[in-house]
Protein backbone atom coordinates (compact mmCIF):
# COMPACT_ATOMS: atom_id res chain seq x y z
CA MET A 1 96.03 -4.46 110.29
CA SER A 2 93.07 -5.66 108.27
CA PRO A 3 89.66 -3.83 108.31
CA VAL A 4 87.93 -6.92 109.82
CA ARG A 5 90.35 -7.00 112.85
CA THR A 6 90.25 -3.41 113.42
CA MET A 7 86.48 -3.38 113.52
CA LEU A 8 86.55 -6.58 116.00
CA ARG A 9 89.04 -4.62 118.24
CA THR A 10 86.78 -1.63 118.18
CA HIS A 11 83.77 -3.57 119.01
CA SER A 12 85.83 -5.39 121.79
CA VAL A 13 86.85 -2.18 123.44
CA ALA A 14 83.29 -0.71 123.35
CA LEU A 15 81.93 -3.80 124.87
CA ARG A 16 84.21 -3.87 127.77
CA ALA A 17 83.70 -0.19 128.21
CA MET A 18 79.98 -0.84 128.37
CA LEU A 19 80.20 -3.81 130.72
CA VAL A 20 82.71 -1.41 133.03
CA PHE A 21 79.95 1.40 133.02
CA THR A 22 77.12 -0.81 133.38
CA ALA A 23 78.80 -2.26 136.66
CA ILE A 24 79.83 1.10 137.87
CA LEU A 25 76.62 3.13 137.02
CA GLY A 26 74.21 0.28 136.90
CA ILE A 27 75.16 -1.78 139.99
CA ALA A 28 77.85 0.18 142.29
CA TYR A 29 76.21 3.67 142.27
CA PRO A 30 72.91 2.67 142.80
CA GLY A 31 73.94 0.24 145.70
CA ALA A 32 75.90 3.14 147.15
CA ILE A 33 72.83 5.37 147.26
CA LEU A 34 70.73 2.60 148.54
CA LEU A 35 73.34 1.93 151.34
CA ALA A 36 73.20 5.85 152.01
CA GLY A 37 69.42 5.84 152.37
CA LEU A 38 69.67 3.07 154.75
CA ALA A 39 72.09 4.89 156.87
CA VAL A 40 69.26 7.61 157.16
CA PRO A 41 65.87 5.78 157.15
CA ALA A 42 63.86 8.54 158.58
CA ALA A 43 65.00 11.18 155.69
CA ALA A 44 64.99 8.29 153.01
CA ASN A 45 61.32 7.44 153.73
CA GLY A 46 59.85 10.86 153.60
CA SER A 47 60.56 12.16 157.06
CA LEU A 48 57.16 10.86 158.11
CA VAL A 49 55.72 12.03 161.25
CA LYS A 50 53.61 9.71 163.48
CA ASP A 51 51.34 10.35 166.03
CA ALA A 52 51.07 8.83 169.69
CA GLY A 53 49.26 5.92 168.26
CA GLY A 54 52.06 5.20 165.45
CA ALA A 55 49.78 6.41 162.55
CA VAL A 56 51.64 8.53 159.94
CA VAL A 57 50.07 11.95 160.28
CA GLY A 58 52.42 13.90 157.57
CA SER A 59 55.87 14.73 156.87
CA SER A 60 58.27 17.12 158.76
CA LEU A 61 59.20 18.46 155.46
CA LEU A 62 55.87 19.33 154.11
CA ALA A 63 53.14 21.87 155.73
CA GLN A 64 49.68 20.78 155.84
CA SER A 65 46.54 22.91 156.39
CA PHE A 66 44.99 23.12 159.90
CA SER A 67 41.58 24.51 158.62
CA ASP A 68 37.94 23.50 158.09
CA ALA A 69 36.55 22.54 154.55
CA ASP A 70 35.78 26.20 154.01
CA GLY A 71 39.60 27.07 154.42
CA LYS A 72 39.01 28.68 157.65
CA PRO A 73 41.90 28.41 160.32
CA LEU A 74 40.83 25.88 163.15
CA PRO A 75 40.68 27.40 166.40
CA GLY A 76 43.00 25.50 168.88
CA TRP A 77 45.65 24.87 166.16
CA PHE A 78 49.04 26.45 165.31
CA GLN A 79 48.72 27.76 161.69
CA PRO A 80 51.35 27.36 159.12
CA ARG A 81 52.38 29.94 156.44
CA PRO A 82 50.07 30.85 153.90
CA SER A 83 50.18 28.59 150.68
CA ALA A 84 49.56 29.81 147.35
CA GLY A 85 48.96 25.96 146.10
CA GLY A 86 46.49 25.18 149.14
CA TRP A 87 49.18 23.06 150.73
CA ASP A 88 49.08 20.58 148.04
CA ALA A 89 52.39 18.92 147.07
CA MET A 90 51.00 18.60 143.40
CA ALA A 91 50.39 22.18 143.17
CA SER A 92 53.65 23.54 144.85
CA GLY A 93 54.82 27.01 144.08
CA GLY A 94 54.44 30.69 144.81
CA THR A 95 52.17 33.09 143.56
CA ASN A 96 54.90 34.91 141.66
CA LEU A 97 53.16 37.99 142.52
CA GLY A 98 55.51 41.18 142.48
CA PRO A 99 55.58 43.46 145.66
CA GLU A 100 53.32 46.04 143.91
CA ASN A 101 50.59 43.72 142.59
CA PRO A 102 47.37 44.53 143.88
CA ASP A 103 46.29 40.84 144.42
CA LEU A 104 49.63 40.26 146.76
CA ILE A 105 48.64 43.72 148.38
CA SER A 106 45.07 42.64 148.99
CA ALA A 107 46.06 38.96 150.24
CA ILE A 108 48.62 40.97 152.91
CA THR A 109 45.71 43.18 153.87
CA GLN A 110 43.41 40.45 154.38
CA ARG A 111 45.77 38.47 156.49
CA ARG A 112 46.95 41.54 158.43
CA ASP A 113 43.18 42.33 159.37
CA ALA A 114 42.57 38.83 160.36
CA GLY A 115 45.26 39.20 162.97
CA ALA A 116 48.60 38.08 161.40
CA THR A 117 51.45 40.28 162.51
CA THR A 118 54.55 38.80 161.51
CA PRO A 119 56.38 38.64 157.72
CA ASP A 120 55.80 34.83 157.46
CA ALA A 121 52.31 34.93 158.46
CA LEU A 122 51.57 37.54 156.04
CA THR A 123 53.22 36.16 152.80
CA ALA A 124 53.23 32.77 151.40
CA SER A 125 56.47 30.62 151.05
CA GLY A 126 58.31 30.20 147.71
CA SER A 127 57.04 26.57 147.63
CA GLY A 128 53.53 27.09 149.25
CA LEU A 129 54.72 24.09 151.48
CA ASP A 130 57.20 25.35 153.92
CA PRO A 131 56.61 23.35 157.21
CA ASP A 132 58.21 25.73 159.59
CA ILE A 133 57.19 29.15 160.96
CA SER A 134 59.13 31.63 162.85
CA PRO A 135 59.41 31.56 166.67
CA GLU A 136 58.00 35.18 166.51
CA ASN A 137 54.88 33.69 164.41
CA ALA A 138 54.44 30.73 166.58
CA LEU A 139 54.62 32.81 169.65
CA SER A 140 52.04 35.37 168.28
CA GLN A 141 49.40 32.58 167.97
CA VAL A 142 49.75 31.56 171.70
CA PRO A 143 46.99 33.56 173.10
CA ALA A 144 44.43 32.38 170.69
CA VAL A 145 45.44 28.82 170.61
CA ALA A 146 45.65 28.60 174.47
CA ALA A 147 42.11 30.34 174.82
CA ALA A 148 40.41 27.92 172.21
CA ARG A 149 41.78 24.88 174.16
CA GLY A 150 41.23 26.16 177.70
CA LEU A 151 44.89 26.14 178.57
CA ASP A 152 47.41 28.37 180.31
CA GLU A 153 49.26 30.90 178.00
CA GLY A 154 52.32 30.20 179.80
CA THR A 155 52.18 26.47 179.51
CA VAL A 156 51.60 26.81 175.58
CA ARG A 157 54.12 29.66 175.49
CA ASN A 158 56.54 27.10 176.92
CA LEU A 159 55.69 24.32 174.66
CA VAL A 160 56.48 26.57 171.50
CA THR A 161 59.84 27.67 173.10
CA SER A 162 60.88 23.90 173.40
CA MET A 163 60.07 23.16 170.02
CA ILE A 164 62.30 26.12 168.61
CA ARG A 165 64.69 24.71 166.10
CA PRO A 166 68.31 26.44 166.06
CA ARG A 167 69.89 27.45 163.00
CA ASP A 168 71.55 24.69 160.91
CA LEU A 169 75.24 24.26 161.87
CA GLY A 170 74.70 27.26 164.01
CA PHE A 171 74.79 29.93 161.27
CA LEU A 172 72.66 28.69 158.27
CA GLY A 173 69.21 29.57 158.04
CA ASP A 174 66.95 31.04 160.82
CA GLU A 175 65.50 29.56 164.07
CA ARG A 176 62.13 27.95 163.25
CA VAL A 177 59.29 25.97 164.71
CA ASN A 178 57.69 23.02 162.80
CA VAL A 179 54.08 23.46 162.87
CA LEU A 180 53.02 19.68 162.57
CA GLU A 181 55.39 18.65 165.25
CA LEU A 182 54.26 21.73 167.38
CA ASN A 183 50.53 20.58 167.03
CA LEU A 184 51.23 17.12 167.85
CA ALA A 185 53.01 18.36 170.89
CA LEU A 186 50.04 20.75 171.54
CA GLN A 187 47.73 17.61 171.14
CA ALA A 188 49.87 15.47 173.65
CA LEU A 189 49.75 18.30 176.04
CA ALA A 190 46.01 18.52 176.18
CA HIS A 191 45.66 14.86 176.94
């Protein structure tokens, strides 16, 4: 075989391989991902949560603050876990403070003095954006939320209990309560 013929054959094989992989990786794979996204539109669009009027108020996957401009918790609202990044998705991350770090100990002491009692109310999540709290944390907030809203504690407690999500697949993770969804249900209850 001549060198020119060998070179043409090599280039022909390379061109065919490029066309096949372009079709697979540039068209078929993105198309399959698009179809998978269309099959679960809520998740593919950011798991957006809407209020009763249809306005987007957040995502069920990201925590948000229920505090005033000074960072003080707003009375009458359930509070998420503390956040090292101020619930800013662009500043996601933990404090990376070790268990004996004086700053972490001070933060936990301040939270305990403010009335927090459960572990997830005392410590920030690893991402700082965890949208869920433990049922114990939510139930510990019931008296303050009910008092601030002038609601019966039993009614608010029943609301929290109805919002508890079970473990995924019955054994993965822990039971949890989504704070944004709970606060929206609380707002609907008050109206």
